[in-house]
PDB file of N, CA and C in Angstrom:
ATOM      1  N   MET A   1     -26.445  16.947  13.301  1.00  0.00           N
ATOM      2  CA  MET A   1     -27.245  16.657  12.142  1.00  0.00           C
ATOM      3  C   MET A   1     -27.549  15.156  12.131  1.00  0.00           C
ATOM      4  N   PRO A   2     -28.795  14.778  12.029  1.00  0.00           N
ATOM      5  CA  PRO A   2     -29.166  13.358  12.009  1.00  0.00           C
ATOM      6  C   PRO A   2     -28.593  12.661  10.772  1.00  0.00           C
ATOM      7  N   ARG A   3     -28.180  11.450  10.982  1.00  0.00           N
ATOM      8  CA  ARG A   3     -27.628  10.661   9.881  1.00  0.00           C
ATOM      9  C   ARG A   3     -28.613   9.567   9.505  1.00  0.00           C
ATOM     10  N   LYS A   4     -28.631   9.268   8.222  1.00  0.00           N
ATOM     11  CA  LYS A   4     -29.440   8.164   7.727  1.00  0.00           C
ATOM     12  C   LYS A   4     -28.559   7.277   6.861  1.00  0.00           C
ATOM     13  N   LEU A   5     -28.885   6.023   6.871  1.00  0.00           N
ATOM     14  CA  LEU A   5     -28.204   5.038   6.058  1.00  0.00           C
ATOM     15  C   LEU A   5     -29.161   4.617   4.962  1.00  0.00           C
ATOM     16  N   THR A   6     -28.675   4.574   3.748  1.00  0.00           N
ATOM     17  CA  THR A   6     -29.490   4.086   2.648  1.00  0.00           C
ATOM     18  C   THR A   6     -28.713   2.986   1.939  1.00  0.00           C
ATOM     19  N   TYR A   7     -29.439   1.966   1.509  1.00  0.00           N
ATOM     20  CA  TYR A   7     -28.806   0.845   0.824  1.00  0.00           C
ATOM     21  C   TYR A   7     -29.849   0.080   0.033  1.00  0.00           C
ATOM     22  N   ILE A   8     -29.368  -0.767  -0.846  1.00  0.00           N
ATOM     23  CA  ILE A   8     -30.244  -1.656  -1.595  1.00  0.00           C
ATOM     24  C   ILE A   8     -29.915  -3.075  -1.145  1.00  0.00           C
ATOM     25  N   TYR A   9     -30.938  -3.806  -0.728  1.00  0.00           N
ATOM     26  CA  TYR A   9     -30.754  -5.194  -0.318  1.00  0.00           C
ATOM     27  C   TYR A   9     -31.677  -6.064  -1.156  1.00  0.00           C
ATOM     28  N   LYS A  10     -31.067  -6.921  -1.940  1.00  0.00           N
ATOM     29  CA  LYS A  10     -31.792  -7.829  -2.830  1.00  0.00           C
ATOM     30  C   LYS A  10     -32.812  -7.076  -3.684  1.00  0.00           C
ATOM     31  N   GLY A  11     -32.381  -5.949  -4.233  1.00  0.00           N
ATOM     32  CA  GLY A  11     -33.192  -5.189  -5.163  1.00  0.00           C
ATOM     33  C   GLY A  11     -34.160  -4.198  -4.547  1.00  0.00           C
ATOM     34  N   VAL A  12     -34.217  -4.109  -3.222  1.00  0.00           N
ATOM     35  CA  VAL A  12     -35.156  -3.202  -2.553  1.00  0.00           C
ATOM     36  C   VAL A  12     -34.365  -2.119  -1.819  1.00  0.00           C
ATOM     37  N   ARG A  13     -34.635  -0.852  -2.164  1.00  0.00           N
ATOM     38  CA  ARG A  13     -33.958   0.258  -1.491  1.00  0.00           C
ATOM     39  C   ARG A  13     -34.564   0.449  -0.105  1.00  0.00           C
ATOM     40  N   LYS A  14     -33.673   0.603   0.879  1.00  0.00           N
ATOM     41  CA  LYS A  14     -34.105   0.783   2.260  1.00  0.00           C
ATOM     42  C   LYS A  14     -33.356   1.948   2.881  1.00  0.00           C
ATOM     43  N   GLU A  15     -33.974   2.548   3.886  1.00  0.00           N
ATOM     44  CA  GLU A  15     -33.370   3.683   4.584  1.00  0.00           C
ATOM     45  C   GLU A  15     -33.651   3.536   6.076  1.00  0.00           C
ATOM     46  N   LEU A  16     -32.663   3.861   6.898  1.00  0.00           N
ATOM     47  CA  LEU A  16     -32.849   3.784   8.333  1.00  0.00           C
ATOM     48  C   LEU A  16     -31.953   4.781   9.033  1.00  0.00           C
ATOM     49  N   PRO A  17     -32.303   5.170  10.260  1.00  0.00           N
ATOM     50  CA  PRO A  17     -31.442   6.086  11.020  1.00  0.00           C
ATOM     51  C   PRO A  17     -30.146   5.383  11.394  1.00  0.00           C
ATOM     52  N   PHE A  18     -29.054   6.146  11.466  1.00  0.00           N
ATOM     53  CA  PHE A  18     -27.746   5.580  11.778  1.00  0.00           C
ATOM     54  C   PHE A  18     -27.108   6.357  12.915  1.00  0.00           C
ATOM     55  N   SER A  19     -26.500   5.609  13.838  1.00  0.00           N
ATOM     56  CA  SER A  19     -25.795   6.223  14.959  1.00  0.00           C
ATOM     57  C   SER A  19     -24.525   5.430  15.237  1.00  0.00           C
ATOM     58  N   TYR A  20     -23.399   6.146  15.387  1.00  0.00           N
ATOM     59  CA  TYR A  20     -22.146   5.474  15.720  1.00  0.00           C
ATOM     60  C   TYR A  20     -22.178   4.896  17.132  1.00  0.00           C
ATOM     61  N   SER A  21     -23.091   5.327  17.966  1.00  0.00           N
ATOM     62  CA  SER A  21     -23.184   4.765  19.310  1.00  0.00           C
ATOM     63  C   SER A  21     -23.773   3.349  19.282  1.00  0.00           C
ATOM     64  N   ARG A  22     -24.472   3.005  18.219  1.00  0.00           N
ATOM     65  CA  ARG A  22     -25.080   1.674  18.107  1.00  0.00           C
ATOM     66  C   ARG A  22     -24.284   0.737  17.207  1.00  0.00           C
ATOM     67  N   HIS A  23     -23.610   1.280  16.178  1.00  0.00           N
ATOM     68  CA  HIS A  23     -22.891   0.452  15.205  1.00  0.00           C
ATOM     69  C   HIS A  23     -21.534   1.071  14.903  1.00  0.00           C
ATOM     70  N   ASN A  24     -20.571   0.213  14.593  1.00  0.00           N
ATOM     71  CA  ASN A  24     -19.226   0.691  14.270  1.00  0.00           C
ATOM     72  C   ASN A  24     -19.150   1.352  12.909  1.00  0.00           C
ATOM     73  N   ASP A  25     -19.940   0.873  11.957  1.00  0.00           N
ATOM     74  CA  ASP A  25     -19.927   1.453  10.610  1.00  0.00           C
ATOM     75  C   ASP A  25     -21.248   1.164   9.902  1.00  0.00           C
ATOM     76  N   ILE A  26     -21.389   1.710   8.702  1.00  0.00           N
ATOM     77  CA  ILE A  26     -22.647   1.580   7.975  1.00  0.00           C
ATOM     78  C   ILE A  26     -22.900   0.147   7.508  1.00  0.00           C
ATOM     79  N   TYR A  27     -21.844  -0.595   7.240  1.00  0.00           N
ATOM     80  CA  TYR A  27     -22.009  -1.983   6.808  1.00  0.00           C
ATOM     81  C   TYR A  27     -22.598  -2.831   7.932  1.00  0.00           C
ATOM     82  N   GLU A  28     -22.083  -2.638   9.127  1.00  0.00           N
ATOM     83  CA  GLU A  28     -22.582  -3.368  10.291  1.00  0.00           C
ATOM     84  C   GLU A  28     -24.046  -3.020  10.544  1.00  0.00           C
ATOM     85  N   ALA A  29     -24.404  -1.758  10.404  1.00  0.00           N
ATOM     86  CA  ALA A  29     -25.783  -1.328  10.622  1.00  0.00           C
ATOM     87  C   ALA A  29     -26.730  -1.936   9.586  1.00  0.00           C
ATOM     88  N   ALA A  30     -26.316  -1.968   8.329  1.00  0.00           N
ATOM     89  CA  ALA A  30     -27.153  -2.545   7.275  1.00  0.00           C
ATOM     90  C   ALA A  30     -27.370  -4.038   7.517  1.00  0.00           C
ATOM     91  N   ALA A  31     -26.307  -4.744   7.878  1.00  0.00           N
ATOM     92  CA  ALA A  31     -26.430  -6.178   8.155  1.00  0.00           C
ATOM     93  C   ALA A  31     -27.351  -6.427   9.346  1.00  0.00           C
ATOM     94  N   ALA A  32     -27.212  -5.627  10.402  1.00  0.00           N
ATOM     95  CA  ALA A  32     -28.063  -5.782  11.582  1.00  0.00           C
ATOM     96  C   ALA A  32     -29.529  -5.526  11.232  1.00  0.00           C
ATOM     97  N   ALA A  33     -29.781  -4.540  10.395  1.00  0.00           N
ATOM     98  CA  ALA A  33     -31.152  -4.223  10.004  1.00  0.00           C
ATOM     99  C   ALA A  33     -31.800  -5.378   9.248  1.00  0.00           C
ATOM    100  N   GLU A  34     -30.986  -6.139   8.531  1.00  0.00           N
ATOM    101  CA  GLU A  34     -31.507  -7.276   7.769  1.00  0.00           C
ATOM    102  C   GLU A  34     -31.435  -8.582   8.551  1.00  0.00           C
ATOM    103  N   GLY A  35     -30.922  -8.521   9.788  1.00  0.00           N
ATOM    104  CA  GLY A  35     -30.848  -9.710  10.619  1.00  0.00           C
ATOM    105  C   GLY A  35     -29.762 -10.688  10.210  1.00  0.00           C
ATOM    106  N   ILE A  36     -28.698 -10.174   9.594  1.00  0.00           N
ATOM    107  CA  ILE A  36     -27.605 -11.023   9.122  1.00  0.00           C
ATOM    108  C   ILE A  36     -26.487 -11.041  10.155  1.00  0.00           C
ATOM    109  N   ASP A  37     -26.061 -12.235  10.539  1.00  0.00           N
ATOM    110  CA  ASP A  37     -24.945 -12.404  11.467  1.00  0.00           C
ATOM    111  C   ASP A  37     -23.646 -12.278  10.674  1.00  0.00           C
ATOM    112  N   ILE A  38     -22.854 -11.254  10.983  1.00  0.00           N
ATOM    113  CA  ILE A  38     -21.605 -11.044  10.238  1.00  0.00           C
ATOM    114  C   ILE A  38     -20.376 -11.348  11.081  1.00  0.00           C
ATOM    115  N   SER A  39     -20.527 -12.149  12.127  1.00  0.00           N
ATOM    116  CA  SER A  39     -19.384 -12.453  12.989  1.00  0.00           C
ATOM    117  C   SER A  39     -18.274 -13.169  12.224  1.00  0.00           C
ATOM    118  N   ASN A  40     -18.612 -14.106  11.358  1.00  0.00           N
ATOM    119  CA  ASN A  40     -17.588 -14.780  10.543  1.00  0.00           C
ATOM    120  C   ASN A  40     -16.934 -13.806   9.570  1.00  0.00           C
ATOM    121  N   PHE A  41     -17.737 -12.941   8.991  1.00  0.00           N
ATOM    122  CA  PHE A  41     -17.209 -11.920   8.087  1.00  0.00           C
ATOM    123  C   PHE A  41     -16.218 -11.018   8.819  1.00  0.00           C
ATOM    124  N   LEU A  42     -16.563 -10.572  10.027  1.00  0.00           N
ATOM    125  CA  LEU A  42     -15.686  -9.686  10.785  1.00  0.00           C
ATOM    126  C   LEU A  42     -14.362 -10.368  11.140  1.00  0.00           C
ATOM    127  N   ALA A  43     -14.406 -11.659  11.445  1.00  0.00           N
ATOM    128  CA  ALA A  43     -13.177 -12.402  11.741  1.00  0.00           C
ATOM    129  C   ALA A  43     -12.289 -12.479  10.501  1.00  0.00           C
ATOM    130  N   MET A  44     -12.891 -12.750   9.353  1.00  0.00           N
ATOM    131  CA  MET A  44     -12.123 -12.820   8.114  1.00  0.00           C
ATOM    132  C   MET A  44     -11.583 -11.443   7.729  1.00  0.00           C
ATOM    133  N   GLU A  45     -12.379 -10.409   7.938  1.00  0.00           N
ATOM    134  CA  GLU A  45     -11.935  -9.056   7.630  1.00  0.00           C
ATOM    135  C   GLU A  45     -10.715  -8.686   8.478  1.00  0.00           C
ATOM    136  N   GLU A  46     -10.716  -9.096   9.727  1.00  0.00           N
ATOM    137  CA  GLU A  46      -9.572  -8.832  10.604  1.00  0.00           C
ATOM    138  C   GLU A  46      -8.326  -9.554  10.094  1.00  0.00           C
ATOM    139  N   GLN A  47      -8.492 -10.760   9.594  1.00  0.00           N
ATOM    140  CA  GLN A  47      -7.350 -11.487   9.019  1.00  0.00           C
ATOM    141  C   GLN A  47      -6.820 -10.772   7.782  1.00  0.00           C
ATOM    142  N   VAL A  48      -7.716 -10.276   6.947  1.00  0.00           N
ATOM    143  CA  VAL A  48      -7.292  -9.518   5.764  1.00  0.00           C
ATOM    144  C   VAL A  48      -6.548  -8.265   6.207  1.00  0.00           C
ATOM    145  N   ARG A  49      -7.055  -7.582   7.220  1.00  0.00           N
ATOM    146  CA  ARG A  49      -6.414  -6.362   7.735  1.00  0.00           C
ATOM    147  C   ARG A  49      -4.999  -6.672   8.243  1.00  0.00           C
ATOM    148  N   MET A  50      -4.840  -7.785   8.946  1.00  0.00           N
ATOM    149  CA  MET A  50      -3.543  -8.134   9.524  1.00  0.00           C
ATOM    150  C   MET A  50      -2.520  -8.564   8.469  1.00  0.00           C
ATOM    151  N   THR A  51      -2.976  -9.146   7.374  1.00  0.00           N
ATOM    152  CA  THR A  51      -2.043  -9.658   6.369  1.00  0.00           C
ATOM    153  C   THR A  51      -1.823  -8.715   5.196  1.00  0.00           C
ATOM    154  N   SER A  52      -2.679  -7.715   5.030  1.00  0.00           N
ATOM    155  CA  SER A  52      -2.516  -6.806   3.891  1.00  0.00           C
ATOM    156  C   SER A  52      -1.608  -5.641   4.254  1.00  0.00           C
ATOM    157  N   LYS A  53      -1.044  -5.032   3.225  1.00  0.00           N
ATOM    158  CA  LYS A  53      -0.125  -3.913   3.440  1.00  0.00           C
ATOM    159  C   LYS A  53      -0.823  -2.566   3.356  1.00  0.00           C
ATOM    160  N   GLY A  54      -2.054  -2.551   2.908  1.00  0.00           N
ATOM    161  CA  GLY A  54      -2.763  -1.281   2.789  1.00  0.00           C
ATOM    162  C   GLY A  54      -4.238  -1.441   3.073  1.00  0.00           C
ATOM    163  N   LYS A  55      -4.932  -0.325   3.110  1.00  0.00           N
ATOM    164  CA  LYS A  55      -6.363  -0.330   3.406  1.00  0.00           C
ATOM    165  C   LYS A  55      -7.200  -0.780   2.217  1.00  0.00           C
ATOM    166  N   HIS A  56      -6.623  -0.731   1.032  1.00  0.00           N
ATOM    167  CA  HIS A  56      -7.388  -1.065  -0.162  1.00  0.00           C
ATOM    168  C   HIS A  56      -7.886  -2.513  -0.124  1.00  0.00           C
ATOM    169  N   ALA A  57      -7.083  -3.427   0.361  1.00  0.00           N
ATOM    170  CA  ALA A  57      -7.476  -4.835   0.403  1.00  0.00           C
ATOM    171  C   ALA A  57      -8.676  -5.041   1.315  1.00  0.00           C
ATOM    172  N   VAL A  58      -8.688  -4.367   2.451  1.00  0.00           N
ATOM    173  CA  VAL A  58      -9.800  -4.496   3.397  1.00  0.00           C
ATOM    174  C   VAL A  58     -11.069  -3.912   2.792  1.00  0.00           C
ATOM    175  N   LYS A  59     -10.955  -2.753   2.187  1.00  0.00           N
ATOM    176  CA  LYS A  59     -12.115  -2.104   1.571  1.00  0.00           C
ATOM    177  C   LYS A  59     -12.672  -2.962   0.436  1.00  0.00           C
ATOM    178  N   ASP A  60     -11.792  -3.496  -0.386  1.00  0.00           N
ATOM    179  CA  ASP A  60     -12.203  -4.347  -1.496  1.00  0.00           C
ATOM    180  C   ASP A  60     -12.896  -5.610  -0.982  1.00  0.00           C
ATOM    181  N   PHE A  61     -12.325  -6.231   0.041  1.00  0.00           N
ATOM    182  CA  PHE A  61     -12.920  -7.424   0.635  1.00  0.00           C
ATOM    183  C   PHE A  61     -14.323  -7.123   1.153  1.00  0.00           C
ATOM    184  N   ARG A  62     -14.463  -6.028   1.878  1.00  0.00           N
ATOM    185  CA  ARG A  62     -15.747  -5.647   2.460  1.00  0.00           C
ATOM    186  C   ARG A  62     -16.800  -5.427   1.371  1.00  0.00           C
ATOM    187  N   GLN A  63     -16.449  -4.669   0.348  1.00  0.00           N
ATOM    188  CA  GLN A  63     -17.415  -4.377  -0.711  1.00  0.00           C
ATOM    189  C   GLN A  63     -17.830  -5.643  -1.459  1.00  0.00           C
ATOM    190  N   LYS A  64     -16.885  -6.511  -1.751  1.00  0.00           N
ATOM    191  CA  LYS A  64     -17.215  -7.741  -2.480  1.00  0.00           C
ATOM    192  C   LYS A  64     -18.064  -8.688  -1.646  1.00  0.00           C
ATOM    193  N   GLU A  65     -17.756  -8.817  -0.370  1.00  0.00           N
ATOM    194  CA  GLU A  65     -18.523  -9.712   0.484  1.00  0.00           C
ATOM    195  C   GLU A  65     -19.948  -9.205   0.698  1.00  0.00           C
ATOM    196  N   PHE A  66     -20.108  -7.909   0.877  1.00  0.00           N
ATOM    197  CA  PHE A  66     -21.459  -7.379   1.056  1.00  0.00           C
ATOM    198  C   PHE A  66     -22.249  -7.466  -0.239  1.00  0.00           C
ATOM    199  N   ALA A  67     -21.600  -7.324  -1.372  1.00  0.00           N
ATOM    200  CA  ALA A  67     -22.289  -7.518  -2.654  1.00  0.00           C
ATOM    201  C   ALA A  67     -22.735  -8.983  -2.777  1.00  0.00           C
ATOM    202  N   ARG A  68     -21.889  -9.896  -2.334  1.00  0.00           N
ATOM    203  CA  ARG A  68     -22.232 -11.322  -2.366  1.00  0.00           C
ATOM    204  C   ARG A  68     -23.433 -11.613  -1.461  1.00  0.00           C
ATOM    205  N   MET A  69     -23.554 -10.888  -0.350  1.00  0.00           N
ATOM    206  CA  MET A  69     -24.683 -11.068   0.563  1.00  0.00           C
ATOM    207  C   MET A  69     -25.975 -10.452   0.032  1.00  0.00           C
ATOM    208  N   GLY A  70     -25.883  -9.645  -1.016  1.00  0.00           N
ATOM    209  CA  GLY A  70     -27.079  -9.042  -1.616  1.00  0.00           C
ATOM    210  C   GLY A  70     -27.206  -7.543  -1.428  1.00  0.00           C
ATOM    211  N   PHE A  71     -26.177  -6.898  -0.872  1.00  0.00           N
ATOM    212  CA  PHE A  71     -26.209  -5.455  -0.639  1.00  0.00           C
ATOM    213  C   PHE A  71     -25.563  -4.698  -1.794  1.00  0.00           C
ATOM    214  N   SER A  72     -26.051  -3.496  -2.022  1.00  0.00           N
ATOM    215  CA  SER A  72     -25.391  -2.582  -2.962  1.00  0.00           C
ATOM    216  C   SER A  72     -25.726  -1.151  -2.549  1.00  0.00           C
ATOM    217  N   GLU A  73     -24.944  -0.232  -3.045  1.00  0.00           N
ATOM    218  CA  GLU A  73     -25.147   1.205  -2.812  1.00  0.00           C
ATOM    219  C   GLU A  73     -25.330   1.552  -1.332  1.00  0.00           C
ATOM    220  N   ILE A  74     -24.484   0.998  -0.476  1.00  0.00           N
ATOM    221  CA  ILE A  74     -24.549   1.319   0.951  1.00  0.00           C
ATOM    222  C   ILE A  74     -23.869   2.663   1.153  1.00  0.00           C
ATOM    223  N   LYS A  75     -24.621   3.638   1.653  1.00  0.00           N
ATOM    224  CA  LYS A  75     -24.031   4.956   1.882  1.00  0.00           C
ATOM    225  C   LYS A  75     -24.806   5.709   2.947  1.00  0.00           C
ATOM    226  N   MET A  76     -24.140   6.703   3.517  1.00  0.00           N
ATOM    227  CA  MET A  76     -24.747   7.541   4.532  1.00  0.00           C
ATOM    228  C   MET A  76     -25.218   8.830   3.871  1.00  0.00           C
ATOM    229  N   VAL A  77     -26.398   9.270   4.271  1.00  0.00           N
ATOM    230  CA  VAL A  77     -26.929  10.542   3.780  1.00  0.00           C
ATOM    231  C   VAL A  77     -27.325  11.381   4.986  1.00  0.00           C
ATOM    232  N   SER A  78     -27.304  12.670   4.817  1.00  0.00           N
ATOM    233  CA  SER A  78     -27.735  13.565   5.888  1.00  0.00           C
ATOM    234  C   SER A  78     -29.035  14.226   5.488  1.00  0.00           C
ATOM    235  N   GLU A  79     -29.679  14.853   6.441  1.00  0.00           N
ATOM    236  CA  GLU A  79     -30.936  15.553   6.175  1.00  0.00           C
ATOM    237  C   GLU A  79     -30.732  16.632   5.115  1.00  0.00           C
ATOM    238  N   GLU A  80     -29.562  17.260   5.120  1.00  0.00           N
ATOM    239  CA  GLU A  80     -29.261  18.297   4.140  1.00  0.00           C
ATOM    240  C   GLU A  80     -29.273  17.765   2.721  1.00  0.00           C
ATOM    241  N   ASP A  81     -28.771  16.540   2.533  1.00  0.00           N
ATOM    242  CA  ASP A  81     -28.714  15.930   1.211  1.00  0.00           C
ATOM    243  C   ASP A  81     -30.097  15.733   0.603  1.00  0.00           C
ATOM    244  N   GLU A  82     -31.114  15.571   1.457  1.00  0.00           N
ATOM    245  CA  GLU A  82     -32.447  15.301   0.986  1.00  0.00           C
ATOM    246  C   GLU A  82     -33.290  16.548   0.742  1.00  0.00           C
ATOM    247  N   SER A  83     -32.900  17.681   1.326  1.00  0.00           N
ATOM    248  CA  SER A  83     -33.708  18.885   1.188  1.00  0.00           C
ATOM    249  C   SER A  83     -33.500  19.504  -0.188  1.00  0.00           C
ATOM    250  N   PRO A  84     -34.573  20.012  -0.785  1.00  0.00           N
ATOM    251  CA  PRO A  84     -34.451  20.646  -2.098  1.00  0.00           C
ATOM    252  C   PRO A  84     -33.666  21.946  -2.008  1.00  0.00           C
ATOM    253  N   ARG A  85     -32.817  22.173  -2.952  1.00  0.00           N
ATOM    254  CA  ARG A  85     -32.017  23.403  -2.991  1.00  0.00           C
ATOM    255  C   ARG A  85     -32.663  24.389  -3.935  1.00  0.00           C
ATOM    256  N   THR A  86     -32.677  25.640  -3.536  1.00  0.00           N
ATOM    257  CA  THR A  86     -33.272  26.672  -4.396  1.00  0.00           C
ATOM    258  C   THR A  86     -32.240  27.609  -4.913  1.00  0.00           C
TER     259      THR A  86
END
């Protein structure tokens, strides 16, 4: 089933095809689509991962940093989600 990524960047909703063969996760794909270099972010995220005791800290860090960059509502949708149900 084809996957699509949908997100809002600086107030504009955008949608693009998503593949795990090209990107590690949806956040990386959204940043790449907008031409944002997240290498510093990834280094800091790794430090948070190494020093935190749970996954919640990493998830919280990621969501807050992407919100600071101008992203919101980053999520994956499938073709099924878009088709009308009868």
